N, C-alpha and C. Protein backbone atom coordinates (compact mmCIF):
# COMPACT_ATOMS: atom_id res chain seq x y z
N MET A 1 12.17 -4.15 -11.44
CA MET A 1 10.92 -4.36 -12.11
C MET A 1 10.03 -3.14 -11.92
N ALA A 2 9.42 -2.66 -12.98
CA ALA A 2 8.54 -1.50 -12.90
C ALA A 2 7.20 -1.88 -12.31
N ALA A 3 6.66 -1.01 -11.45
CA ALA A 3 5.36 -1.27 -10.82
C ALA A 3 4.68 0.05 -10.51
N SER A 4 3.35 0.04 -10.48
CA SER A 4 2.60 1.24 -10.10
C SER A 4 2.73 1.47 -8.61
N VAL A 5 2.87 2.72 -8.24
CA VAL A 5 3.03 3.10 -6.84
C VAL A 5 1.69 3.06 -6.12
N ALA A 6 1.65 2.50 -4.93
CA ALA A 6 0.46 2.55 -4.09
C ALA A 6 0.42 3.91 -3.39
N THR A 7 -0.76 4.50 -3.32
CA THR A 7 -0.91 5.82 -2.70
C THR A 7 -2.09 5.80 -1.74
N LEU A 8 -2.28 6.92 -1.08
CA LEU A 8 -3.49 7.13 -0.30
C LEU A 8 -4.66 6.94 -1.25
N GLY A 9 -5.60 6.10 -0.90
CA GLY A 9 -6.74 5.83 -1.77
C GLY A 9 -6.60 4.58 -2.61
N SER A 10 -5.42 3.94 -2.58
CA SER A 10 -5.29 2.65 -3.26
C SER A 10 -6.18 1.64 -2.54
N VAL A 11 -6.59 0.62 -3.27
CA VAL A 11 -7.52 -0.36 -2.72
C VAL A 11 -6.90 -1.75 -2.78
N THR A 12 -7.14 -2.54 -1.73
CA THR A 12 -6.64 -3.91 -1.70
C THR A 12 -7.59 -4.82 -2.48
N ALA A 13 -7.18 -6.06 -2.67
CA ALA A 13 -8.02 -7.04 -3.36
C ALA A 13 -9.31 -7.31 -2.61
N THR A 14 -9.34 -7.07 -1.31
CA THR A 14 -10.54 -7.27 -0.50
C THR A 14 -11.36 -6.00 -0.33
N GLY A 15 -10.97 -4.92 -1.01
CA GLY A 15 -11.75 -3.69 -1.00
C GLY A 15 -11.44 -2.72 0.13
N ASP A 16 -10.30 -2.90 0.79
CA ASP A 16 -9.91 -2.02 1.90
C ASP A 16 -9.02 -0.89 1.40
N SER A 17 -8.99 0.21 2.12
CA SER A 17 -8.24 1.39 1.69
C SER A 17 -6.84 1.45 2.29
N VAL A 18 -5.88 1.86 1.47
CA VAL A 18 -4.51 2.07 1.92
C VAL A 18 -4.39 3.52 2.38
N ILE A 19 -3.75 3.72 3.53
CA ILE A 19 -3.51 5.07 4.03
C ILE A 19 -2.04 5.38 3.81
N GLY A 20 -1.74 6.29 2.89
CA GLY A 20 -0.36 6.64 2.55
C GLY A 20 0.36 7.28 3.72
N THR A 21 1.64 7.00 3.86
CA THR A 21 2.40 7.52 5.00
C THR A 21 3.50 8.48 4.59
N CYS A 22 3.70 8.67 3.32
CA CYS A 22 4.82 9.48 2.85
C CYS A 22 4.30 10.80 2.30
N ALA A 23 3.95 11.72 3.18
CA ALA A 23 3.26 12.96 2.79
C ALA A 23 4.11 13.88 1.92
N THR A 24 5.43 13.73 1.93
CA THR A 24 6.28 14.63 1.14
C THR A 24 6.53 14.12 -0.27
N ILE A 25 6.20 12.88 -0.56
CA ILE A 25 6.37 12.32 -1.89
C ILE A 25 4.97 12.09 -2.47
N LEU A 26 4.64 12.83 -3.53
CA LEU A 26 3.30 12.76 -4.09
C LEU A 26 3.32 12.14 -5.47
N ARG A 27 2.29 11.35 -5.77
CA ARG A 27 2.05 10.80 -7.10
C ARG A 27 0.60 11.17 -7.43
N ASN A 28 0.40 11.92 -8.49
CA ASN A 28 -0.92 12.42 -8.86
C ASN A 28 -1.59 13.13 -7.69
N CYS A 29 -0.82 13.94 -6.98
CA CYS A 29 -1.27 14.74 -5.84
C CYS A 29 -1.70 13.91 -4.63
N MET A 30 -1.31 12.65 -4.58
CA MET A 30 -1.65 11.78 -3.45
C MET A 30 -0.37 11.30 -2.78
N PRO A 31 -0.34 11.23 -1.42
CA PRO A 31 0.84 10.73 -0.72
C PRO A 31 1.10 9.26 -1.05
N CYS A 32 2.36 8.92 -1.24
CA CYS A 32 2.75 7.53 -1.50
C CYS A 32 2.59 6.67 -0.26
N ALA A 33 2.35 5.41 -0.48
CA ALA A 33 2.35 4.43 0.60
C ALA A 33 3.74 3.80 0.67
N THR A 34 4.15 3.42 1.85
CA THR A 34 5.44 2.77 2.04
C THR A 34 5.25 1.47 2.81
N LEU A 35 6.33 0.72 2.94
CA LEU A 35 6.30 -0.48 3.77
C LEU A 35 5.84 -0.07 5.16
N GLY A 36 4.86 -0.74 5.70
CA GLY A 36 4.32 -0.39 7.02
C GLY A 36 3.13 0.54 7.00
N SER A 37 2.72 0.97 5.80
CA SER A 37 1.53 1.83 5.70
C SER A 37 0.30 1.07 6.20
N VAL A 38 -0.61 1.79 6.79
CA VAL A 38 -1.81 1.19 7.37
C VAL A 38 -2.86 0.95 6.29
N VAL A 39 -3.55 -0.18 6.41
CA VAL A 39 -4.68 -0.53 5.56
C VAL A 39 -5.88 -0.67 6.48
N THR A 40 -7.00 -0.08 6.09
CA THR A 40 -8.18 -0.16 6.93
C THR A 40 -9.43 -0.39 6.10
N GLY A 41 -10.34 -1.17 6.64
CA GLY A 41 -11.60 -1.49 5.97
C GLY A 41 -12.32 -2.58 6.72
N THR A 42 -13.34 -3.13 6.11
CA THR A 42 -14.13 -4.18 6.76
C THR A 42 -13.42 -5.53 6.73
N ALA A 43 -12.83 -5.86 5.58
CA ALA A 43 -12.21 -7.18 5.43
C ALA A 43 -10.82 -7.27 6.06
N CYS A 44 -10.06 -6.16 6.10
CA CYS A 44 -8.70 -6.20 6.64
C CYS A 44 -8.31 -4.89 7.29
N ILE A 45 -7.82 -4.99 8.50
CA ILE A 45 -7.22 -3.86 9.20
C ILE A 45 -5.81 -4.31 9.53
N GLY A 46 -4.81 -3.72 8.86
CA GLY A 46 -3.44 -4.17 9.05
C GLY A 46 -2.44 -3.23 8.41
N THR A 47 -1.30 -3.79 7.99
CA THR A 47 -0.24 -3.00 7.39
C THR A 47 0.34 -3.72 6.17
N ILE A 48 1.02 -2.94 5.32
CA ILE A 48 1.75 -3.51 4.19
C ILE A 48 3.02 -4.13 4.75
N ILE A 49 3.21 -5.43 4.56
CA ILE A 49 4.33 -6.12 5.21
C ILE A 49 5.46 -6.50 4.28
N SER A 50 5.25 -6.44 2.97
CA SER A 50 6.34 -6.71 2.03
C SER A 50 6.15 -5.84 0.79
N THR A 51 7.24 -5.59 0.10
CA THR A 51 7.18 -4.76 -1.10
C THR A 51 8.09 -5.32 -2.18
N THR A 52 7.73 -5.07 -3.42
CA THR A 52 8.56 -5.50 -4.55
C THR A 52 9.57 -4.43 -4.92
N SER A 53 9.49 -3.27 -4.26
CA SER A 53 10.35 -2.14 -4.60
C SER A 53 11.32 -1.85 -3.45
N VAL A 54 12.22 -2.77 -3.18
CA VAL A 54 13.11 -2.63 -2.02
C VAL A 54 14.22 -1.61 -2.21
N THR A 55 14.48 -1.20 -3.45
CA THR A 55 15.57 -0.24 -3.67
C THR A 55 15.09 1.20 -3.83
N THR A 56 13.78 1.42 -3.92
CA THR A 56 13.24 2.78 -4.00
C THR A 56 12.82 3.20 -2.61
N ILE A 57 13.62 4.06 -1.99
CA ILE A 57 13.42 4.45 -0.60
C ILE A 57 12.87 5.87 -0.54
N ARG A 58 11.81 6.06 0.22
CA ARG A 58 11.24 7.38 0.47
C ARG A 58 11.03 7.53 1.96
N MET A 59 11.56 8.60 2.53
CA MET A 59 11.48 8.87 3.96
C MET A 59 11.96 7.67 4.79
N GLY A 60 12.99 6.99 4.29
CA GLY A 60 13.62 5.89 5.02
C GLY A 60 12.94 4.54 4.88
N LEU A 61 11.88 4.45 4.08
CA LEU A 61 11.16 3.18 3.91
C LEU A 61 10.99 2.87 2.42
N PRO A 62 10.96 1.57 2.05
CA PRO A 62 10.70 1.21 0.66
C PRO A 62 9.28 1.62 0.25
N VAL A 63 9.12 2.06 -0.98
CA VAL A 63 7.83 2.45 -1.52
C VAL A 63 6.97 1.21 -1.75
N ALA A 64 5.68 1.31 -1.44
CA ALA A 64 4.74 0.21 -1.68
C ALA A 64 4.20 0.30 -3.11
N CYS A 65 3.95 -0.86 -3.70
CA CYS A 65 3.48 -0.94 -5.08
C CYS A 65 2.26 -1.84 -5.17
N ILE A 66 1.66 -1.86 -6.35
CA ILE A 66 0.57 -2.78 -6.62
C ILE A 66 1.09 -4.20 -6.46
N CYS A 67 0.31 -5.09 -5.91
CA CYS A 67 0.61 -6.51 -5.65
C CYS A 67 1.44 -6.74 -4.39
N ASP A 68 1.73 -5.70 -3.61
CA ASP A 68 2.44 -5.90 -2.35
C ASP A 68 1.51 -6.54 -1.33
N VAL A 69 2.07 -7.28 -0.39
CA VAL A 69 1.30 -8.07 0.56
C VAL A 69 0.89 -7.24 1.77
N VAL A 70 -0.38 -7.43 2.19
CA VAL A 70 -0.94 -6.78 3.36
C VAL A 70 -1.37 -7.87 4.34
N SER A 71 -1.05 -7.70 5.61
CA SER A 71 -1.44 -8.65 6.64
C SER A 71 -2.16 -7.93 7.77
N GLY A 72 -3.20 -8.55 8.29
CA GLY A 72 -3.93 -7.95 9.39
C GLY A 72 -5.06 -8.86 9.86
N THR A 73 -6.09 -8.26 10.41
CA THR A 73 -7.26 -9.01 10.87
C THR A 73 -8.52 -8.35 10.33
N SER A 74 -9.60 -9.13 10.25
CA SER A 74 -10.89 -8.58 9.85
C SER A 74 -11.52 -7.92 11.07
N THR A 75 -12.64 -7.24 10.86
CA THR A 75 -13.32 -6.63 12.00
C THR A 75 -13.87 -7.68 12.96
N ALA A 76 -13.97 -8.93 12.49
CA ALA A 76 -14.41 -10.04 13.35
C ALA A 76 -13.25 -10.70 14.08
N GLY A 77 -12.02 -10.23 13.82
CA GLY A 77 -10.84 -10.78 14.49
C GLY A 77 -10.19 -11.95 13.78
N VAL A 78 -10.60 -12.23 12.55
CA VAL A 78 -10.03 -13.34 11.77
C VAL A 78 -8.79 -12.85 11.04
N PRO A 79 -7.66 -13.59 11.10
CA PRO A 79 -6.45 -13.18 10.37
C PRO A 79 -6.70 -13.14 8.86
N VAL A 80 -6.18 -12.08 8.20
CA VAL A 80 -6.39 -11.88 6.77
C VAL A 80 -5.06 -11.51 6.11
N VAL A 81 -4.80 -12.09 4.95
CA VAL A 81 -3.68 -11.69 4.10
C VAL A 81 -4.26 -11.35 2.74
N THR A 82 -3.92 -10.19 2.22
CA THR A 82 -4.43 -9.74 0.93
C THR A 82 -3.31 -8.99 0.21
N THR A 83 -3.61 -8.41 -0.93
CA THR A 83 -2.62 -7.63 -1.68
C THR A 83 -3.20 -6.28 -2.05
N VAL A 84 -2.31 -5.33 -2.33
CA VAL A 84 -2.73 -4.04 -2.86
C VAL A 84 -3.16 -4.31 -4.30
N GLY A 85 -4.42 -4.02 -4.60
CA GLY A 85 -4.98 -4.42 -5.89
C GLY A 85 -5.01 -3.33 -6.95
N SER A 86 -5.20 -2.09 -6.56
CA SER A 86 -5.26 -1.02 -7.56
C SER A 86 -4.79 0.28 -6.95
N SER A 87 -4.40 1.19 -7.82
CA SER A 87 -3.91 2.49 -7.38
C SER A 87 -4.54 3.57 -8.23
N ILE A 88 -4.83 4.71 -7.61
CA ILE A 88 -5.37 5.82 -8.38
C ILE A 88 -4.25 6.62 -9.04
N ALA A 89 -3.00 6.26 -8.74
CA ALA A 89 -1.84 6.94 -9.32
C ALA A 89 -1.10 5.95 -10.22
N PRO A 90 -1.31 6.02 -11.53
CA PRO A 90 -0.65 5.05 -12.42
C PRO A 90 0.83 5.32 -12.64
N ALA A 91 1.44 6.17 -11.80
CA ALA A 91 2.86 6.48 -11.95
C ALA A 91 3.70 5.23 -11.75
N ILE A 92 4.66 5.04 -12.61
CA ILE A 92 5.53 3.87 -12.55
C ILE A 92 6.85 4.29 -11.93
N ILE A 93 7.35 3.47 -11.00
CA ILE A 93 8.69 3.71 -10.47
C ILE A 93 9.62 2.68 -11.03
N ARG A 94 10.86 3.01 -11.15
CA ARG A 94 11.85 2.06 -11.69
C ARG A 94 13.03 2.00 -10.77
């Protein structure tokens, strides 16, 4: 299934920022995010825990896409589950 790649600067549904971990693979000059990439913000501090792109591997990890699941905690310590909501790199992977 085709999906937009999550990159550094992608935003979750709760408004938190994705920090890309794949510095050697760029989409629109931004590092790609992979499974396990860190998400940080007020509503959620956590990692990308699942991906829809299990067969596209970069630096040994599946690439993260829009709608992938993020799990973590809020700054108040409350467990939060959200999704990657938008990407500044509209590049599609197949």
